[in-house]
Amino acid sequence: MIRSVPITNLRKNIFDYARLVSEEGYEIEVEKNGKKIFKLTKIERGPKEAAKRALKIARKLGGIWKNVDSEFFRGKKEKIYMKKLGSW
């Protein structure tokens, strides 16, 4: 559901509107001088979804990183490996 509110009303009741957005799924359109200036919506993708996506990408890149050991990110081996990669 979409709800339009003036910016002063939002400023006074920010926590009430935050609850409406997060718990009840409202979308809040904020108005100033009769014009809509921004919209508050619930963020559907959280850290859990971002981590799942990163893991999916890492699995696809797995073949590239076959010979990586614990010393890779320390100096000489990193430089040698980056030279082998060339430009992307």
PDB file of N, CA and C in Angstrom:
ATOM      1  N   MET A   1       0.826  -1.172   0.000  1.00  0.00           N
ATOM      2  CA  MET A   1       0.000   0.000   0.000  1.00  0.00           C
ATOM      3  C   MET A   1       0.879   1.248   0.000  1.00  0.00           C
ATOM      4  N   ILE A   2       0.475   2.257  -0.724  1.00  0.00           N
ATOM      5  CA  ILE A   2       1.242   3.493  -0.814  1.00  0.00           C
ATOM      6  C   ILE A   2       0.548   4.571   0.003  1.00  0.00           C
ATOM      7  N   ARG A   3       1.348   5.298   0.734  1.00  0.00           N
ATOM      8  CA  ARG A   3       0.819   6.370   1.576  1.00  0.00           C
ATOM      9  C   ARG A   3       1.627   7.632   1.327  1.00  0.00           C
ATOM     10  N   SER A   4       0.973   8.773   1.136  1.00  0.00           N
ATOM     11  CA  SER A   4       1.663  10.049   0.948  1.00  0.00           C
ATOM     12  C   SER A   4       1.585  10.852   2.237  1.00  0.00           C
ATOM     13  N   VAL A   5       2.728  11.385   2.654  1.00  0.00           N
ATOM     14  CA  VAL A   5       2.772  12.187   3.881  1.00  0.00           C
ATOM     15  C   VAL A   5       3.637  13.419   3.654  1.00  0.00           C
ATOM     16  N   PRO A   6       3.293  14.537   4.313  1.00  0.00           N
ATOM     17  CA  PRO A   6       4.155  15.712   4.233  1.00  0.00           C
ATOM     18  C   PRO A   6       5.459  15.473   5.017  1.00  0.00           C
ATOM     19  N   ILE A   7       6.502  16.175   4.627  1.00  0.00           N
ATOM     20  CA  ILE A   7       7.807  15.951   5.233  1.00  0.00           C
ATOM     21  C   ILE A   7       7.815  16.305   6.721  1.00  0.00           C
ATOM     22  N   THR A   8       7.060  17.305   7.133  1.00  0.00           N
ATOM     23  CA  THR A   8       7.028  17.654   8.561  1.00  0.00           C
ATOM     24  C   THR A   8       6.366  16.555   9.380  1.00  0.00           C
ATOM     25  N   ASN A   9       5.349  15.927   8.814  1.00  0.00           N
ATOM     26  CA  ASN A   9       4.694  14.819   9.504  1.00  0.00           C
ATOM     27  C   ASN A   9       5.645  13.628   9.618  1.00  0.00           C
ATOM     28  N   LEU A  10       6.420  13.382   8.566  1.00  0.00           N
ATOM     29  CA  LEU A  10       7.404  12.308   8.612  1.00  0.00           C
ATOM     30  C   LEU A  10       8.453  12.594   9.684  1.00  0.00           C
ATOM     31  N   ARG A  11       8.893  13.841   9.741  1.00  0.00           N
ATOM     32  CA  ARG A  11       9.911  14.221  10.719  1.00  0.00           C
ATOM     33  C   ARG A  11       9.413  14.005  12.144  1.00  0.00           C
ATOM     34  N   LYS A  12       8.155  14.312  12.387  1.00  0.00           N
ATOM     35  CA  LYS A  12       7.585  14.158  13.734  1.00  0.00           C
ATOM     36  C   LYS A  12       7.369  12.698  14.113  1.00  0.00           C
ATOM     37  N   ASN A  13       7.009  11.864  13.143  1.00  0.00           N
ATOM     38  CA  ASN A  13       6.628  10.473  13.425  1.00  0.00           C
ATOM     39  C   ASN A  13       7.487   9.463  12.666  1.00  0.00           C
ATOM     40  N   ILE A  14       8.770   9.712  12.591  1.00  0.00           N
ATOM     41  CA  ILE A  14       9.660   8.873  11.776  1.00  0.00           C
ATOM     42  C   ILE A  14       9.637   7.411  12.206  1.00  0.00           C
ATOM     43  N   PHE A  15       9.577   7.148  13.511  1.00  0.00           N
ATOM     44  CA  PHE A  15       9.615   5.765  13.980  1.00  0.00           C
ATOM     45  C   PHE A  15       8.318   5.024  13.670  1.00  0.00           C
ATOM     46  N   ASP A  16       7.202   5.721  13.708  1.00  0.00           N
ATOM     47  CA  ASP A  16       5.931   5.098  13.339  1.00  0.00           C
ATOM     48  C   ASP A  16       5.930   4.713  11.857  1.00  0.00           C
ATOM     49  N   TYR A  17       6.441   5.605  11.019  1.00  0.00           N
ATOM     50  CA  TYR A  17       6.494   5.310   9.587  1.00  0.00           C
ATOM     51  C   TYR A  17       7.505   4.204   9.280  1.00  0.00           C
ATOM     52  N   ALA A  18       8.609   4.179  10.021  1.00  0.00           N
ATOM     53  CA  ALA A  18       9.593   3.109   9.835  1.00  0.00           C
ATOM     54  C   ALA A  18       8.974   1.757  10.158  1.00  0.00           C
ATOM     55  N   ARG A  19       8.162   1.695  11.194  1.00  0.00           N
ATOM     56  CA  ARG A  19       7.476   0.457  11.549  1.00  0.00           C
ATOM     57  C   ARG A  19       6.493   0.055  10.457  1.00  0.00           C
ATOM     58  N   LEU A  20       5.745   1.028   9.921  1.00  0.00           N
ATOM     59  CA  LEU A  20       4.799   0.725   8.846  1.00  0.00           C
ATOM     60  C   LEU A  20       5.522   0.132   7.628  1.00  0.00           C
ATOM     61  N   VAL A  21       6.667   0.703   7.291  1.00  0.00           N
ATOM     62  CA  VAL A  21       7.419   0.235   6.132  1.00  0.00           C
ATOM     63  C   VAL A  21       8.000  -1.151   6.388  1.00  0.00           C
ATOM     64  N   SER A  22       8.650  -1.332   7.534  1.00  0.00           N
ATOM     65  CA  SER A  22       9.357  -2.594   7.772  1.00  0.00           C
ATOM     66  C   SER A  22       8.437  -3.749   8.119  1.00  0.00           C
ATOM     67  N   GLU A  23       7.429  -3.514   8.929  1.00  0.00           N
ATOM     68  CA  GLU A  23       6.593  -4.615   9.402  1.00  0.00           C
ATOM     69  C   GLU A  23       5.344  -4.848   8.569  1.00  0.00           C
ATOM     70  N   GLU A  24       4.751  -3.777   8.056  1.00  0.00           N
ATOM     71  CA  GLU A  24       3.483  -3.926   7.348  1.00  0.00           C
ATOM     72  C   GLU A  24       3.599  -3.766   5.836  1.00  0.00           C
ATOM     73  N   GLY A  25       4.807  -3.451   5.341  1.00  0.00           N
ATOM     74  CA  GLY A  25       5.027  -3.412   3.907  1.00  0.00           C
ATOM     75  C   GLY A  25       4.507  -2.181   3.186  1.00  0.00           C
ATOM     76  N   TYR A  26       4.249  -1.104   3.894  1.00  0.00           N
ATOM     77  CA  TYR A  26       3.796   0.130   3.262  1.00  0.00           C
ATOM     78  C   TYR A  26       4.923   0.763   2.464  1.00  0.00           C
ATOM     79  N   GLU A  27       4.567   1.557   1.482  1.00  0.00           N
ATOM     80  CA  GLU A  27       5.497   2.440   0.789  1.00  0.00           C
ATOM     81  C   GLU A  27       5.067   3.859   1.129  1.00  0.00           C
ATOM     82  N   ILE A  28       5.993   4.666   1.602  1.00  0.00           N
ATOM     83  CA  ILE A  28       5.686   6.029   2.034  1.00  0.00           C
ATOM     84  C   ILE A  28       6.276   7.003   1.026  1.00  0.00           C
ATOM     85  N   GLU A  29       5.418   7.816   0.412  1.00  0.00           N
ATOM     86  CA  GLU A  29       5.873   8.872  -0.487  1.00  0.00           C
ATOM     87  C   GLU A  29       5.870  10.177   0.299  1.00  0.00           C
ATOM     88  N   VAL A  30       7.017  10.830   0.341  1.00  0.00           N
ATOM     89  CA  VAL A  30       7.163  12.050   1.136  1.00  0.00           C
ATOM     90  C   VAL A  30       7.028  13.254   0.220  1.00  0.00           C
ATOM     91  N   GLU A  31       6.207  14.204   0.660  1.00  0.00           N
ATOM     92  CA  GLU A  31       5.933  15.400  -0.138  1.00  0.00           C
ATOM     93  C   GLU A  31       6.477  16.645   0.542  1.00  0.00           C
ATOM     94  N   LYS A  32       6.911  17.585  -0.284  1.00  0.00           N
ATOM     95  CA  LYS A  32       7.318  18.896   0.198  1.00  0.00           C
ATOM     96  C   LYS A  32       6.771  19.916  -0.787  1.00  0.00           C
ATOM     97  N   ASN A  33       6.017  20.871  -0.274  1.00  0.00           N
ATOM     98  CA  ASN A  33       5.363  21.890  -1.104  1.00  0.00           C
ATOM     99  C   ASN A  33       4.474  21.256  -2.183  1.00  0.00           C
ATOM    100  N   GLY A  34       3.836  20.154  -1.852  1.00  0.00           N
ATOM    101  CA  GLY A  34       2.926  19.497  -2.772  1.00  0.00           C
ATOM    102  C   GLY A  34       3.585  18.612  -3.816  1.00  0.00           C
ATOM    103  N   LYS A  35       4.913  18.507  -3.798  1.00  0.00           N
ATOM    104  CA  LYS A  35       5.633  17.675  -4.772  1.00  0.00           C
ATOM    105  C   LYS A  35       6.251  16.490  -4.050  1.00  0.00           C
ATOM    106  N   LYS A  36       6.184  15.344  -4.677  1.00  0.00           N
ATOM    107  CA  LYS A  36       6.803  14.146  -4.110  1.00  0.00           C
ATOM    108  C   LYS A  36       8.313  14.246  -4.289  1.00  0.00           C
ATOM    109  N   ILE A  37       9.048  14.096  -3.162  1.00  0.00           N
ATOM    110  CA  ILE A  37      10.500  14.254  -3.253  1.00  0.00           C
ATOM    111  C   ILE A  37      11.252  12.940  -3.063  1.00  0.00           C
ATOM    112  N   PHE A  38      10.695  11.996  -2.308  1.00  0.00           N
ATOM    113  CA  PHE A  38      11.302  10.676  -2.212  1.00  0.00           C
ATOM    114  C   PHE A  38      10.302   9.671  -1.692  1.00  0.00           C
ATOM    115  N   LYS A  39      10.691   8.393  -1.787  1.00  0.00           N
ATOM    116  CA  LYS A  39       9.821   7.300  -1.381  1.00  0.00           C
ATOM    117  C   LYS A  39      10.579   6.384  -0.430  1.00  0.00           C
ATOM    118  N   LEU A  40       9.928   5.946   0.621  1.00  0.00           N
ATOM    119  CA  LEU A  40      10.498   4.975   1.553  1.00  0.00           C
ATOM    120  C   LEU A  40       9.897   3.618   1.246  1.00  0.00           C
ATOM    121  N   THR A  41      10.759   2.638   1.002  1.00  0.00           N
ATOM    122  CA  THR A  41      10.297   1.277   0.746  1.00  0.00           C
ATOM    123  C   THR A  41      11.156   0.302   1.528  1.00  0.00           C
ATOM    124  N   LYS A  42      10.638  -0.879   1.713  1.00  0.00           N
ATOM    125  CA  LYS A  42      11.372  -1.913   2.421  1.00  0.00           C
ATOM    126  C   LYS A  42      12.434  -2.502   1.502  1.00  0.00           C
ATOM    127  N   ILE A  43      13.610  -2.730   2.037  1.00  0.00           N
ATOM    128  CA  ILE A  43      14.687  -3.354   1.276  1.00  0.00           C
ATOM    129  C   ILE A  43      14.498  -4.854   1.362  1.00  0.00           C
ATOM    130  N   GLU A  44      14.334  -5.481   0.220  1.00  0.00           N
ATOM    131  CA  GLU A  44      14.079  -6.918   0.191  1.00  0.00           C
ATOM    132  C   GLU A  44      15.352  -7.736   0.295  1.00  0.00           C
ATOM    133  N   ARG A  45      16.438  -7.245  -0.300  1.00  0.00           N
ATOM    134  CA  ARG A  45      17.692  -7.986  -0.246  1.00  0.00           C
ATOM    135  C   ARG A  45      18.502  -7.541   0.952  1.00  0.00           C
ATOM    136  N   GLY A  46      18.754  -8.442   1.847  1.00  0.00           N
ATOM    137  CA  GLY A  46      19.555  -8.148   3.017  1.00  0.00           C
ATOM    138  C   GLY A  46      20.921  -8.781   2.909  1.00  0.00           C
ATOM    139  N   PRO A  47      21.675  -8.782   4.001  1.00  0.00           N
ATOM    140  CA  PRO A  47      23.016  -9.362   3.981  1.00  0.00           C
ATOM    141  C   PRO A  47      23.025 -10.855   3.657  1.00  0.00           C
ATOM    142  N   LYS A  48      21.987 -11.563   4.065  1.00  0.00           N
ATOM    143  CA  LYS A  48      21.930 -12.998   3.803  1.00  0.00           C
ATOM    144  C   LYS A  48      21.852 -13.274   2.298  1.00  0.00           C
ATOM    145  N   GLU A  49      21.014 -12.522   1.600  1.00  0.00           N
ATOM    146  CA  GLU A  49      20.876 -12.701   0.162  1.00  0.00           C
ATOM    147  C   GLU A  49      22.153 -12.278  -0.564  1.00  0.00           C
ATOM    148  N   ALA A  50      22.797 -11.211  -0.085  1.00  0.00           N
ATOM    149  CA  ALA A  50      24.048 -10.762  -0.705  1.00  0.00           C
ATOM    150  C   ALA A  50      25.139 -11.814  -0.534  1.00  0.00           C
ATOM    151  N   ALA A  51      25.188 -12.448   0.629  1.00  0.00           N
ATOM    152  CA  ALA A  51      26.184 -13.496   0.871  1.00  0.00           C
ATOM    153  C   ALA A  51      25.936 -14.705  -0.034  1.00  0.00           C
ATOM    154  N   LYS A  52      24.662 -15.069  -0.219  1.00  0.00           N
ATOM    155  CA  LYS A  52      24.341 -16.183  -1.117  1.00  0.00           C
ATOM    156  C   LYS A  52      24.783 -15.887  -2.545  1.00  0.00           C
ATOM    157  N   ARG A  53      24.554 -14.648  -2.982  1.00  0.00           N
ATOM    158  CA  ARG A  53      24.955 -14.254  -4.335  1.00  0.00           C
ATOM    159  C   ARG A  53      26.472 -14.273  -4.474  1.00  0.00           C
ATOM    160  N   ALA A  54      27.183 -13.775  -3.473  1.00  0.00           N
ATOM    161  CA  ALA A  54      28.651 -13.775  -3.510  1.00  0.00           C
ATOM    162  C   ALA A  54      29.189 -15.209  -3.561  1.00  0.00           C
ATOM    163  N   LEU A  55      28.567 -16.103  -2.810  1.00  0.00           N
ATOM    164  CA  LEU A  55      28.993 -17.499  -2.812  1.00  0.00           C
ATOM    165  C   LEU A  55      28.765 -18.144  -4.175  1.00  0.00           C
ATOM    166  N   LYS A  56      27.649 -17.809  -4.801  1.00  0.00           N
ATOM    167  CA  LYS A  56      27.347 -18.343  -6.127  1.00  0.00           C
ATOM    168  C   LYS A  56      28.398 -17.885  -7.145  1.00  0.00           C
ATOM    169  N   ILE A  57      28.777 -16.610  -7.069  1.00  0.00           N
ATOM    170  CA  ILE A  57      29.796 -16.075  -7.978  1.00  0.00           C
ATOM    171  C   ILE A  57      31.151 -16.704  -7.675  1.00  0.00           C
ATOM    172  N   ALA A  58      31.469 -16.870  -6.381  1.00  0.00           N
ATOM    173  CA  ALA A  58      32.757 -17.462  -5.994  1.00  0.00           C
ATOM    174  C   ALA A  58      32.880 -18.894  -6.516  1.00  0.00           C
ATOM    175  N   ARG A  59      31.777 -19.629  -6.504  1.00  0.00           N
ATOM    176  CA  ARG A  59      31.811 -20.998  -7.035  1.00  0.00           C
ATOM    177  C   ARG A  59      32.124 -21.013  -8.520  1.00  0.00           C
ATOM    178  N   LYS A  60      31.581 -20.025  -9.245  1.00  0.00           N
ATOM    179  CA  LYS A  60      31.857 -19.944 -10.680  1.00  0.00           C
ATOM    180  C   LYS A  60      33.315 -19.585 -10.940  1.00  0.00           C
ATOM    181  N   LEU A  61      33.907 -18.791 -10.059  1.00  0.00           N
ATOM    182  CA  LEU A  61      35.298 -18.379 -10.210  1.00  0.00           C
ATOM    183  C   LEU A  61      36.273 -19.395  -9.631  1.00  0.00           C
ATOM    184  N   GLY A  62      35.766 -20.453  -9.037  1.00  0.00           N
ATOM    185  CA  GLY A  62      36.602 -21.432  -8.350  1.00  0.00           C
ATOM    186  C   GLY A  62      37.729 -21.993  -9.173  1.00  0.00           C
ATOM    187  N   GLY A  63      37.518 -22.224 -10.440  1.00  0.00           N
ATOM    188  CA  GLY A  63      38.552 -22.782 -11.287  1.00  0.00           C
ATOM    189  C   GLY A  63      39.720 -21.839 -11.488  1.00  0.00           C
ATOM    190  N   ILE A  64      39.494 -20.554 -11.390  1.00  0.00           N
ATOM    191  CA  ILE A  64      40.548 -19.565 -11.578  1.00  0.00           C
ATOM    192  C   ILE A  64      41.539 -19.606 -10.415  1.00  0.00           C
ATOM    193  N   TRP A  65      41.056 -19.910  -9.214  1.00  0.00           N
ATOM    194  CA  TRP A  65      41.857 -19.817  -8.001  1.00  0.00           C
ATOM    195  C   TRP A  65      42.349 -21.189  -7.522  1.00  0.00           C
ATOM    196  N   LYS A  66      42.792 -22.037  -8.403  1.00  0.00           N
ATOM    197  CA  LYS A  66      43.178 -23.402  -8.032  1.00  0.00           C
ATOM    198  C   LYS A  66      44.392 -23.469  -7.117  1.00  0.00           C
ATOM    199  N   ASN A  67      45.425 -22.713  -7.419  1.00  0.00           N
ATOM    200  CA  ASN A  67      46.700 -22.859  -6.713  1.00  0.00           C
ATOM    201  C   ASN A  67      46.939 -21.759  -5.677  1.00  0.00           C
ATOM    202  N   VAL A  68      45.928 -21.366  -4.977  1.00  0.00           N
ATOM    203  CA  VAL A  68      46.065 -20.299  -3.979  1.00  0.00           C
ATOM    204  C   VAL A  68      46.379 -20.921  -2.627  1.00  0.00           C
ATOM    205  N   ASP A  69      47.459 -20.447  -2.000  1.00  0.00           N
ATOM    206  CA  ASP A  69      47.771 -20.926  -0.651  1.00  0.00           C
ATOM    207  C   ASP A  69      47.732 -19.752   0.333  1.00  0.00           C
ATOM    208  N   SER A  70      48.057 -19.997   1.586  1.00  0.00           N
ATOM    209  CA  SER A  70      47.928 -18.971   2.617  1.00  0.00           C
ATOM    210  C   SER A  70      48.875 -17.796   2.421  1.00  0.00           C
ATOM    211  N   GLU A  71      49.956 -17.988   1.657  1.00  0.00           N
ATOM    212  CA  GLU A  71      50.912 -16.909   1.437  1.00  0.00           C
ATOM    213  C   GLU A  71      50.533 -16.015   0.259  1.00  0.00           C
ATOM    214  N   PHE A  72      49.459 -16.358  -0.447  1.00  0.00           N
ATOM    215  CA  PHE A  72      49.078 -15.639  -1.661  1.00  0.00           C
ATOM    216  C   PHE A  72      48.916 -14.141  -1.450  1.00  0.00           C
ATOM    217  N   PHE A  73      48.292 -13.739  -0.378  1.00  0.00           N
ATOM    218  CA  PHE A  73      47.969 -12.332  -0.177  1.00  0.00           C
ATOM    219  C   PHE A  73      49.098 -11.556   0.504  1.00  0.00           C
ATOM    220  N   ARG A  74      50.278 -12.107   0.505  1.00  0.00           N
ATOM    221  CA  ARG A  74      51.428 -11.457   1.144  1.00  0.00           C
ATOM    222  C   ARG A  74      52.573 -11.271   0.156  1.00  0.00           C
ATOM    223  N   GLY A  75      52.614 -10.176  -0.526  1.00  0.00           N
ATOM    224  CA  GLY A  75      53.785  -9.778  -1.285  1.00  0.00           C
ATOM    225  C   GLY A  75      54.075 -10.455  -2.602  1.00  0.00           C
ATOM    226  N   LYS A  76      55.192 -11.177  -2.668  1.00  0.00           N
ATOM    227  CA  LYS A  76      55.768 -11.657  -3.918  1.00  0.00           C
ATOM    228  C   LYS A  76      54.830 -12.550  -4.719  1.00  0.00           C
ATOM    229  N   LYS A  77      54.204 -13.521  -4.081  1.00  0.00           N
ATOM    230  CA  LYS A  77      53.320 -14.439  -4.813  1.00  0.00           C
ATOM    231  C   LYS A  77      52.123 -13.705  -5.397  1.00  0.00           C
ATOM    232  N   GLU A  78      51.609 -12.727  -4.668  1.00  0.00           N
ATOM    233  CA  GLU A  78      50.481 -11.945  -5.176  1.00  0.00           C
ATOM    234  C   GLU A  78      50.902 -11.184  -6.426  1.00  0.00           C
ATOM    235  N   LYS A  79      52.051 -10.559  -6.407  1.00  0.00           N
ATOM    236  CA  LYS A  79      52.521  -9.794  -7.568  1.00  0.00           C
ATOM    237  C   LYS A  79      52.716 -10.688  -8.788  1.00  0.00           C
ATOM    238  N   ILE A  80      53.309 -11.860  -8.574  1.00  0.00           N
ATOM    239  CA  ILE A  80      53.526 -12.795  -9.680  1.00  0.00           C
ATOM    240  C   ILE A  80      52.196 -13.242 -10.271  1.00  0.00           C
ATOM    241  N   TYR A  81      51.239 -13.561  -9.409  1.00  0.00           N
ATOM    242  CA  TYR A  81      49.937 -14.019  -9.885  1.00  0.00           C
ATOM    243  C   TYR A  81      49.219 -12.919 -10.655  1.00  0.00           C
ATOM    244  N   MET A  82      49.277 -11.686 -10.160  1.00  0.00           N
ATOM    245  CA  MET A  82      48.602 -10.576 -10.839  1.00  0.00           C
ATOM    246  C   MET A  82      49.221 -10.306 -12.209  1.00  0.00           C
ATOM    247  N   LYS A  83      50.532 -10.488 -12.336  1.00  0.00           N
ATOM    248  CA  LYS A  83      51.174 -10.320 -13.644  1.00  0.00           C
ATOM    249  C   LYS A  83      50.682 -11.375 -14.625  1.00  0.00           C
ATOM    250  N   LYS A  84      50.471 -12.583 -14.146  1.00  0.00           N
ATOM    251  CA  LYS A  84      49.970 -13.657 -15.015  1.00  0.00           C
ATOM    252  C   LYS A  84      48.552 -13.381 -15.498  1.00  0.00           C
ATOM    253  N   LEU A  85      47.757 -12.702 -14.673  1.00  0.00           N
ATOM    254  CA  LEU A  85      46.369 -12.410 -15.066  1.00  0.00           C
ATOM    255  C   LEU A  85      46.303 -11.449 -16.233  1.00  0.00           C
ATOM    256  N   GLY A  86      47.218 -10.501 -16.290  1.00  0.00           N
ATOM    257  CA  GLY A  86      47.193  -9.514 -17.360  1.00  0.00           C
ATOM    258  C   GLY A  86      46.106  -8.495 -17.117  1.00  0.00           C
ATOM    259  N   SER A  87      45.579  -7.905 -18.165  1.00  0.00           N
ATOM    260  CA  SER A  87      44.517  -6.914 -18.021  1.00  0.00           C
ATOM    261  C   SER A  87      43.166  -7.591 -18.242  1.00  0.00           C
ATOM    262  N   TRP A  88      42.170  -7.110 -17.558  1.00  0.00           N
ATOM    263  CA  TRP A  88      40.839  -7.704 -17.641  1.00  0.00           C
ATOM    264  C   TRP A  88      40.104  -7.016 -18.717  1.00  0.00           C
TER     265      TRP A  88
END
